[in-house]
C-alpha atoms as a PDB file:
ATOM      1  CA  MET A   1     -43.499  28.470  34.390  1.00  0.00           C
ATOM      2  CA  MET A   2     -42.291  24.990  35.767  1.00  0.00           C
ATOM      3  CA  ASN A   3     -44.644  22.402  36.039  1.00  0.00           C
ATOM      4  CA  LEU A   4     -44.260  19.330  38.334  1.00  0.00           C
ATOM      5  CA  HIS A   5     -46.339  16.131  38.686  1.00  0.00           C
ATOM      6  CA  TYR A   6     -47.476  15.071  42.066  1.00  0.00           C
ATOM      7  CA  GLN A   7     -49.580  12.493  43.574  1.00  0.00           C
ATOM      8  CA  LYS A   8     -52.136  13.496  46.332  1.00  0.00           C
ATOM      9  CA  ILE A   9     -52.866  11.058  49.081  1.00  0.00           C
ATOM     10  CA  GLY A  10     -54.955  11.069  52.446  1.00  0.00           C
ATOM     11  CA  ASN A  11     -57.483  13.446  53.768  1.00  0.00           C
ATOM     12  CA  GLY A  12     -56.241  14.733  57.017  1.00  0.00           C
ATOM     13  CA  THR A  13     -56.485  18.384  58.029  1.00  0.00           C
ATOM     14  CA  LYS A  14     -52.881  18.900  57.999  1.00  0.00           C
ATOM     15  CA  ILE A  15     -51.081  19.476  54.732  1.00  0.00           C
ATOM     16  CA  LEU A  16     -47.823  17.676  53.875  1.00  0.00           C
ATOM     17  CA  LEU A  17     -45.589  18.084  50.893  1.00  0.00           C
ATOM     18  CA  ALA A  18     -43.020  15.345  50.325  1.00  0.00           C
ATOM     19  CA  PHE A  19     -39.820  15.688  48.377  1.00  0.00           C
ATOM     20  CA  HIS A  20     -37.680  12.677  47.544  1.00  0.00           C
ATOM     21  CA  GLY A  21     -34.309  11.663  47.108  1.00  0.00           C
ATOM     22  CA  MET A  22     -31.808  11.239  44.088  1.00  0.00           C
ATOM     23  CA  GLY A  23     -33.065   8.641  41.375  1.00  0.00           C
ATOM     24  CA  GLN A  24     -36.387   8.308  42.999  1.00  0.00           C
ATOM     25  CA  ASP A  25     -39.887   9.514  42.529  1.00  0.00           C
ATOM     26  CA  PHE A  26     -43.027  10.500  44.376  1.00  0.00           C
ATOM     27  CA  SER A  27     -43.318   6.775  45.622  1.00  0.00           C
ATOM     28  CA  CYS A  28     -40.369   7.379  48.104  1.00  0.00           C
ATOM     29  CA  PHE A  29     -43.142   8.463  50.632  1.00  0.00           C
ATOM     30  CA  GLN A  30     -46.141   6.781  49.249  1.00  0.00           C
ATOM     31  CA  GLN A  31     -46.138   4.070  52.270  1.00  0.00           C
ATOM     32  CA  PHE A  32     -45.793   7.121  54.522  1.00  0.00           C
ATOM     33  CA  ALA A  33     -48.627   8.923  53.106  1.00  0.00           C
ATOM     34  CA  GLN A  34     -50.845   5.828  53.213  1.00  0.00           C
ATOM     35  CA  THR A  35     -49.962   5.181  56.699  1.00  0.00           C
ATOM     36  CA  PHE A  36     -50.731   8.712  57.923  1.00  0.00           C
ATOM     37  CA  GLU A  37     -53.579   9.378  55.315  1.00  0.00           C
ATOM     38  CA  ASN A  38     -56.097  10.263  58.331  1.00  0.00           C
ATOM     39  CA  GLN A  39     -53.603  12.836  59.676  1.00  0.00           C
ATOM     40  CA  TYR A  40     -52.365  14.335  56.639  1.00  0.00           C
ATOM     41  CA  THR A  41     -53.261  15.286  53.267  1.00  0.00           C
ATOM     42  CA  THR A  42     -49.853  14.747  51.266  1.00  0.00           C
ATOM     43  CA  TYR A  43     -48.697  15.847  48.067  1.00  0.00           C
ATOM     44  CA  LEU A  44     -45.879  13.737  46.751  1.00  0.00           C
ATOM     45  CA  PHE A  45     -43.950  15.347  44.111  1.00  0.00           C
ATOM     46  CA  ASP A  46     -41.624  14.031  41.258  1.00  0.00           C
ATOM     47  CA  LEU A  47     -38.783  16.464  41.488  1.00  0.00           C
ATOM     48  CA  PRO A  48     -37.207  18.041  38.252  1.00  0.00           C
ATOM     49  CA  PHE A  49     -35.676  15.266  35.867  1.00  0.00           C
ATOM     50  CA  HIS A  50     -37.354  12.480  38.032  1.00  0.00           C
ATOM     51  CA  GLY A  51     -40.344  10.530  37.548  1.00  0.00           C
ATOM     52  CA  LYS A  52     -42.781  11.874  35.243  1.00  0.00           C
ATOM     53  CA  ASN A  53     -40.520  14.961  34.925  1.00  0.00           C
ATOM     54  CA  GLU A  54     -37.614  12.868  33.531  1.00  0.00           C
ATOM     55  CA  GLY A  55     -38.380  14.205  29.892  1.00  0.00           C
ATOM     56  CA  ALA A  56     -37.406  17.716  30.980  1.00  0.00           C
ATOM     57  CA  GLU A  57     -34.579  19.412  29.043  1.00  0.00           C
ATOM     58  CA  ASN A  58     -31.555  20.683  30.897  1.00  0.00           C
ATOM     59  CA  SER A  59     -32.498  23.667  32.887  1.00  0.00           C
ATOM     60  CA  MET A  60     -31.433  25.699  35.863  1.00  0.00           C
ATOM     61  CA  ILE A  61     -33.716  25.509  39.015  1.00  0.00           C
ATOM     62  CA  THR A  62     -33.088  28.846  40.782  1.00  0.00           C
ATOM     63  CA  LYS A  63     -34.458  29.822  44.081  1.00  0.00           C
ATOM     64  CA  GLU A  64     -36.759  32.143  42.082  1.00  0.00           C
ATOM     65  CA  VAL A  65     -38.021  29.330  39.656  1.00  0.00           C
ATOM     66  CA  TRP A  66     -38.901  27.278  42.593  1.00  0.00           C
ATOM     67  CA  LYS A  67     -40.627  30.094  44.674  1.00  0.00           C
ATOM     68  CA  ASN A  68     -42.777  31.044  41.537  1.00  0.00           C
ATOM     69  CA  PHE A  69     -43.771  27.195  41.035  1.00  0.00           C
ATOM     70  CA  MET A  70     -44.501  26.979  44.894  1.00  0.00           C
ATOM     71  CA  THR A  71     -46.440  30.066  44.765  1.00  0.00           C
ATOM     72  CA  ASP A  72     -48.573  28.879  42.035  1.00  0.00           C
ATOM     73  CA  PHE A  73     -49.035  25.362  43.506  1.00  0.00           C
ATOM     74  CA  LEU A  74     -50.200  26.900  46.923  1.00  0.00           C
ATOM     75  CA  GLN A  75     -52.721  29.222  45.380  1.00  0.00           C
ATOM     76  CA  LYS A  76     -54.217  26.574  43.132  1.00  0.00           C
ATOM     77  CA  ASN A  77     -54.701  24.039  46.215  1.00  0.00           C
ATOM     78  CA  GLN A  78     -55.754  26.775  48.467  1.00  0.00           C
ATOM     79  CA  ILE A  79     -53.088  25.756  50.961  1.00  0.00           C
ATOM     80  CA  ASN A  80     -52.125  28.438  53.554  1.00  0.00           C
ATOM     81  CA  SER A  81     -50.063  26.396  56.028  1.00  0.00           C
ATOM     82  CA  PHE A  82     -48.154  23.181  55.363  1.00  0.00           C
ATOM     83  CA  SER A  83     -45.399  21.013  56.713  1.00  0.00           C
ATOM     84  CA  ILE A  84     -42.619  19.345  54.717  1.00  0.00           C
ATOM     85  CA  ILE A  85     -41.002  15.929  54.798  1.00  0.00           C
ATOM     86  CA  ALA A  86     -37.855  15.552  52.671  1.00  0.00           C
ATOM     87  CA  PHE A  87     -35.076  13.045  52.059  1.00  0.00           C
ATOM     88  CA  SER A  88     -31.469  13.454  50.909  1.00  0.00           C
ATOM     89  CA  MET A  89     -31.420  15.723  47.559  1.00  0.00           C
ATOM     90  CA  GLY A  90     -35.145  16.769  48.595  1.00  0.00           C
ATOM     91  CA  GLY A  91     -33.557  18.765  51.573  1.00  0.00           C
ATOM     92  CA  ARG A  92     -32.615  21.236  49.141  1.00  0.00           C
ATOM     93  CA  PHE A  93     -36.263  21.922  48.131  1.00  0.00           C
ATOM     94  CA  ALA A  94     -37.029  21.834  51.725  1.00  0.00           C
ATOM     95  CA  LEU A  95     -34.741  24.543  52.607  1.00  0.00           C
ATOM     96  CA  ALA A  96     -35.633  26.603  49.500  1.00  0.00           C
ATOM     97  CA  THR A  97     -38.959  26.296  50.509  1.00  0.00           C
ATOM     98  CA  VAL A  98     -38.403  27.366  54.152  1.00  0.00           C
ATOM     99  CA  GLU A  99     -36.551  30.175  53.027  1.00  0.00           C
ATOM    100  CA  ALA A 100     -39.365  31.399  50.697  1.00  0.00           C
ATOM    101  CA  PHE A 101     -42.525  30.421  52.808  1.00  0.00           C
ATOM    102  CA  TYR A 102     -41.120  30.193  56.469  1.00  0.00           C
ATOM    103  CA  GLU A 103     -44.243  31.875  57.864  1.00  0.00           C
ATOM    104  CA  ARG A 104     -46.342  29.187  56.519  1.00  0.00           C
ATOM    105  CA  ILE A 105     -44.537  26.152  57.646  1.00  0.00           C
ATOM    106  CA  GLU A 106     -45.442  24.094  60.816  1.00  0.00           C
ATOM    107  CA  GLN A 107     -43.314  21.240  60.461  1.00  0.00           C
ATOM    108  CA  LEU A 108     -40.296  20.108  59.096  1.00  0.00           C
ATOM    109  CA  PHE A 109     -39.345  16.287  58.733  1.00  0.00           C
ATOM    110  CA  LEU A 110     -35.643  16.139  57.522  1.00  0.00           C
ATOM    111  CA  LEU A 111     -34.336  12.744  56.608  1.00  0.00           C
ATOM    112  CA  ALA A 112     -30.184  12.784  55.954  1.00  0.00           C
ATOM    113  CA  PRO A 113     -31.094  16.227  54.250  1.00  0.00           C
ATOM    114  CA  ASP A 114     -28.819  17.550  51.170  1.00  0.00           C
ATOM    115  CA  GLY A 115     -28.126  21.304  51.147  1.00  0.00           C
ATOM    116  CA  VAL A 116     -27.047  21.872  54.708  1.00  0.00           C
ATOM    117  CA  THR A 117     -23.325  21.782  53.787  1.00  0.00           C
ATOM    118  CA  GLU A 118     -21.718  22.102  50.483  1.00  0.00           C
ATOM    119  CA  ASP A 119     -19.537  19.113  49.255  1.00  0.00           C
ATOM    120  CA  PRO A 120     -16.480  20.309  47.587  1.00  0.00           C
ATOM    121  CA  VAL A 121     -16.502  17.722  44.809  1.00  0.00           C
ATOM    122  CA  TYR A 122     -20.100  18.737  43.987  1.00  0.00           C
ATOM    123  CA  THR A 123     -19.211  22.562  43.771  1.00  0.00           C
ATOM    124  CA  LEU A 124     -16.154  21.736  41.543  1.00  0.00           C
ATOM    125  CA  ALA A 125     -18.128  19.335  39.219  1.00  0.00           C
ATOM    126  CA  THR A 126     -21.087  21.848  38.895  1.00  0.00           C
ATOM    127  CA  ARG A 127     -19.977  25.503  39.157  1.00  0.00           C
ATOM    128  CA  PHE A 128     -17.956  26.022  36.036  1.00  0.00           C
ATOM    129  CA  GLY A 129     -18.575  25.253  32.404  1.00  0.00           C
ATOM    130  CA  PHE A 130     -14.944  23.529  31.837  1.00  0.00           C
ATOM    131  CA  SER A 131     -15.590  21.289  35.060  1.00  0.00           C
ATOM    132  CA  ARG A 132     -19.227  20.394  33.867  1.00  0.00           C
ATOM    133  CA  LYS A 133     -17.562  19.000  30.619  1.00  0.00           C
ATOM    134  CA  ILE A 134     -15.320  17.073  32.671  1.00  0.00           C
ATOM    135  CA  PHE A 135     -18.266  15.952  35.052  1.00  0.00           C
ATOM    136  CA  TYR A 136     -20.177  14.752  32.058  1.00  0.00           C
ATOM    137  CA  SER A 137     -17.341  12.789  30.562  1.00  0.00           C
ATOM    138  CA  VAL A 138     -16.438  11.172  33.821  1.00  0.00           C
ATOM    139  CA  LEU A 139     -20.206   9.956  34.071  1.00  0.00           C
ATOM    140  CA  LYS A 140     -19.974   8.482  30.517  1.00  0.00           C
ATOM    141  CA  HIS A 141     -16.885   6.763  31.259  1.00  0.00           C
ATOM    142  CA  ASN A 142     -17.590   5.940  34.978  1.00  0.00           C
ATOM    143  CA  HIS A 143     -16.203   2.132  34.629  1.00  0.00           C
ATOM    144  CA  LYS A 144     -12.862   3.217  34.215  1.00  0.00           C
ATOM    145  CA  LEU A 145     -12.824   4.673  37.884  1.00  0.00           C
ATOM    146  CA  TYR A 146     -13.961   1.441  39.514  1.00  0.00           C
ATOM    147  CA  ALA A 147     -10.316  -0.237  39.720  1.00  0.00           C
ATOM    148  CA  PRO A 148      -8.868   3.073  41.486  1.00  0.00           C
ATOM    149  CA  ALA A 149     -11.872   3.339  43.520  1.00  0.00           C
ATOM    150  CA  GLU A 150     -11.563  -0.031  44.992  1.00  0.00           C
ATOM    151  CA  ILE A 151      -8.109   0.813  45.918  1.00  0.00           C
ATOM    152  CA  LEU A 152      -9.498   3.589  47.648  1.00  0.00           C
ATOM    153  CA  VAL A 153     -12.117   1.402  49.454  1.00  0.00           C
ATOM    154  CA  LYS A 154      -9.216  -1.232  50.463  1.00  0.00           C
ATOM    155  CA  VAL A 155      -6.997   1.502  52.047  1.00  0.00           C
ATOM    156  CA  GLY A 156      -9.850   2.950  53.947  1.00  0.00           C
ATOM    157  CA  LEU A 157     -10.333   6.464  52.267  1.00  0.00           C
ATOM    158  CA  VAL A 158     -13.681   5.719  50.757  1.00  0.00           C
ATOM    159  CA  HIS A 159     -16.304   3.400  52.457  1.00  0.00           C
ATOM    160  CA  LYS A 160     -17.605   0.341  50.529  1.00  0.00           C
ATOM    161  CA  SER A 161     -21.283   1.573  50.917  1.00  0.00           C
ATOM    162  CA  VAL A 162     -20.298   4.863  49.154  1.00  0.00           C
ATOM    163  CA  LEU A 163     -18.742   3.113  46.095  1.00  0.00           C
ATOM    164  CA  LYS A 164     -21.849   0.732  45.909  1.00  0.00           C
ATOM    165  CA  PHE A 165     -24.108   3.675  46.091  1.00  0.00           C
ATOM    166  CA  ALA A 166     -22.388   5.791  43.410  1.00  0.00           C
ATOM    167  CA  LYS A 167     -22.303   2.714  40.959  1.00  0.00           C
ATOM    168  CA  MET A 168     -26.044   2.265  41.497  1.00  0.00           C
ATOM    169  CA  MET A 169     -26.513   5.940  40.661  1.00  0.00           C
ATOM    170  CA  VAL A 170     -24.739   5.684  37.315  1.00  0.00           C
ATOM    171  CA  ASP A 171     -25.209   2.173  36.179  1.00  0.00           C
ATOM    172  CA  THR A 172     -27.388   3.079  33.143  1.00  0.00           C
ATOM    173  CA  PRO A 173     -27.116   6.069  30.477  1.00  0.00           C
ATOM    174  CA  GLN A 174     -30.513   7.374  31.794  1.00  0.00           C
ATOM    175  CA  LYS A 175     -29.273   7.401  35.263  1.00  0.00           C
ATOM    176  CA  GLN A 176     -25.996   9.072  34.192  1.00  0.00           C
ATOM    177  CA  LYS A 177     -28.161  11.911  32.426  1.00  0.00           C
ATOM    178  CA  GLN A 178     -30.437  12.277  35.332  1.00  0.00           C
ATOM    179  CA  LEU A 179     -27.499  12.636  37.768  1.00  0.00           C
ATOM    180  CA  TYR A 180     -25.876  15.161  35.498  1.00  0.00           C
ATOM    181  CA  GLN A 181     -29.090  17.149  35.003  1.00  0.00           C
ATOM    182  CA  ALA A 182     -30.093  17.118  38.746  1.00  0.00           C
ATOM    183  CA  TRP A 183     -26.347  18.230  39.941  1.00  0.00           C
ATOM    184  CA  VAL A 184     -26.145  20.936  37.524  1.00  0.00           C
ATOM    185  CA  GLY A 185     -29.519  22.148  37.459  1.00  0.00           C
ATOM    186  CA  PHE A 186     -29.837  22.298  41.327  1.00  0.00           C
ATOM    187  CA  TYR A 187     -26.423  23.739  41.956  1.00  0.00           C
ATOM    188  CA  GLN A 188     -28.033  27.363  42.586  1.00  0.00           C
ATOM    189  CA  LEU A 189     -30.230  26.076  45.474  1.00  0.00           C
ATOM    190  CA  ARG A 190     -27.368  26.952  48.133  1.00  0.00           C
ATOM    191  CA  PHE A 191     -28.163  28.281  51.563  1.00  0.00           C
ATOM    192  CA  ASP A 192     -27.129  30.484  54.309  1.00  0.00           C
ATOM    193  CA  ILE A 193     -27.632  28.189  57.082  1.00  0.00           C
ATOM    194  CA  LYS A 194     -27.573  30.823  59.678  1.00  0.00           C
ATOM    195  CA  LYS A 195     -30.109  32.561  57.887  1.00  0.00           C
ATOM    196  CA  ILE A 196     -32.334  29.456  57.596  1.00  0.00           C
ATOM    197  CA  ALA A 197     -31.834  28.767  61.251  1.00  0.00           C
ATOM    198  CA  ASP A 198     -32.982  32.420  62.160  1.00  0.00           C
ATOM    199  CA  LEU A 199     -36.120  31.815  60.326  1.00  0.00           C
ATOM    200  CA  ILE A 200     -36.909  28.433  61.788  1.00  0.00           C
ATOM    201  CA  ASN A 201     -36.354  29.861  65.130  1.00  0.00           C
ATOM    202  CA  GLN A 202     -38.296  33.258  64.438  1.00  0.00           C
ATOM    203  CA  GLN A 203     -41.297  31.214  63.438  1.00  0.00           C
ATOM    204  CA  GLN A 204     -40.962  28.486  65.899  1.00  0.00           C
ATOM    205  CA  ILE A 205     -41.078  25.660  63.320  1.00  0.00           C
ATOM    206  CA  ASP A 206     -41.229  22.121  64.663  1.00  0.00           C
ATOM    207  CA  VAL A 207     -38.231  20.300  63.166  1.00  0.00           C
ATOM    208  CA  GLN A 208     -37.461  16.593  63.370  1.00  0.00           C
ATOM    209  CA  VAL A 209     -34.126  15.245  62.071  1.00  0.00           C
ATOM    210  CA  PHE A 210     -33.577  11.551  61.201  1.00  0.00           C
ATOM    211  CA  MET A 211     -30.030  10.312  60.497  1.00  0.00           C
ATOM    212  CA  GLY A 212     -28.704   7.041  59.591  1.00  0.00           C
ATOM    213  CA  LYS A 213     -26.201   5.407  62.108  1.00  0.00           C
ATOM    214  CA  TYR A 214     -24.672   3.675  59.083  1.00  0.00           C
ATOM    215  CA  ASP A 215     -25.199   6.152  56.435  1.00  0.00           C
ATOM    216  CA  LYS A 216     -21.870   7.223  54.844  1.00  0.00           C
ATOM    217  CA  VAL A 217     -23.486   9.190  52.035  1.00  0.00           C
ATOM    218  CA  MET A 218     -25.049  11.622  54.172  1.00  0.00           C
ATOM    219  CA  PRO A 219     -23.386  11.096  57.667  1.00  0.00           C
ATOM    220  CA  ILE A 220     -24.423  12.833  60.662  1.00  0.00           C
ATOM    221  CA  GLN A 221     -21.919  15.636  60.801  1.00  0.00           C
ATOM    222  CA  LYS A 222     -23.336  17.187  57.602  1.00  0.00           C
ATOM    223  CA  VAL A 223     -26.599  18.293  59.350  1.00  0.00           C
ATOM    224  CA  LEU A 224     -24.789  19.932  62.292  1.00  0.00           C
ATOM    225  CA  PRO A 225     -24.224  23.072  60.967  1.00  0.00           C
ATOM    226  CA  LEU A 226     -28.162  23.627  60.943  1.00  0.00           C
ATOM    227  CA  THR A 227     -28.835  21.507  64.062  1.00  0.00           C
ATOM    228  CA  LYS A 228     -26.515  23.248  66.392  1.00  0.00           C
ATOM    229  CA  LEU A 229     -28.228  26.645  65.299  1.00  0.00           C
ATOM    230  CA  ILE A 230     -32.010  25.423  66.185  1.00  0.00           C
ATOM    231  CA  LYS A 231     -33.501  23.343  68.613  1.00  0.00           C
ATOM    232  CA  PRO A 232     -35.018  20.341  66.924  1.00  0.00           C
ATOM    233  CA  SER A 233     -37.877  18.852  68.972  1.00  0.00           C
ATOM    234  CA  LYS A 234     -36.192  15.403  67.767  1.00  0.00           C
ATOM    235  CA  PHE A 235     -32.754  14.562  66.606  1.00  0.00           C
ATOM    236  CA  VAL A 236     -33.025  10.728  65.888  1.00  0.00           C
ATOM    237  CA  THR A 237     -30.241   8.359  64.756  1.00  0.00           C
ATOM    238  CA  LEU A 238     -31.684   5.236  63.485  1.00  0.00           C
ATOM    239  CA  GLU A 239     -30.033   1.921  62.574  1.00  0.00           C
ATOM    240  CA  ALA A 240     -29.993   2.531  59.045  1.00  0.00           C
ATOM    241  CA  THR A 241     -28.127   2.976  55.959  1.00  0.00           C
ATOM    242  CA  HIS A 242     -28.837   5.814  53.520  1.00  0.00           C
ATOM    243  CA  GLY A 243     -31.127   3.642  51.319  1.00  0.00           C
ATOM    244  CA  ARG A 244     -32.992   2.358  54.484  1.00  0.00           C
ATOM    245  CA  LEU A 245     -33.456   5.668  56.215  1.00  0.00           C
ATOM    246  CA  VAL A 246     -37.085   6.410  54.723  1.00  0.00           C
ATOM    247  CA  ASP A 247     -38.235   3.079  55.723  1.00  0.00           C
ATOM    248  CA  LYS A 248     -36.780   3.059  59.336  1.00  0.00           C
ATOM    249  CA  THR A 249     -38.087   6.807  59.677  1.00  0.00           C
ATOM    250  CA  LEU A 250     -41.647   5.560  59.029  1.00  0.00           C
ATOM    251  CA  GLY A 251     -41.174   2.459  61.335  1.00  0.00           C
ATOM    252  CA  TYR A 252     -40.294   4.880  64.118  1.00  0.00           C
ATOM    253  CA  LEU A 253     -42.998   7.623  63.511  1.00  0.00           C
ATOM    254  CA  GLY A 254     -45.400   4.642  62.955  1.00  0.00           C
ATOM    255  CA  LYS A 255     -45.223   3.469  66.641  1.00  0.00           C
ATOM    256  CA  GLY A 256     -46.075   6.789  67.700  1.00  0.00           C
ATOM    257  CA  ASN A 257     -42.923   8.231  68.901  1.00  0.00           C
END
């Protein structure tokens, strides 16, 4: 049975589960949880290979593994209904939770969520044994790609913020290992978006989507396959890059919007 570290903040009557992004830990939503501590009791997770779970060995996080973990977690904490807030990579875990527990979900706060669309590069890097070896080698020798990547930036094929983000994600051996574990370990968390949308519509889950106007890592078009099939109560584009979206969303919701 998978076991994940989490932090509990607040004493509100509503339950909120918080799933952070790549390279982060539970503290991603700590300020959010503290701001709304009278409204929500928030459980902030360290997702697999992150935070206090960094020492975990390589393993595949399948939908069944996640469902079993969540079933045990909900039972232990006597949680019947709950909401979810998820940023970037955490979107995959939000969608997996919707698929397994849609009848118990009240609200979804999706911040530039991953998992709605499948990037061809991600698919190629993680799906096959030989491509995983290539991916691992590329991570270990990522500095050799900087010069050609700078050329792509200059000719406009890659945005400079994407290159900056990519460098930040692999600038230490620890981050390289974490990225490899997460990309490979989460690749089975793939979704039939029409099915997800049908579940959301059937249960009338309140969905609020927040995207960054200047986000080149997770641009707006990547969530359209989902938002076109549902009627989110909010679809908000904020003046934010990918890295600033959580703070900007807190500022927006903190004003009572």
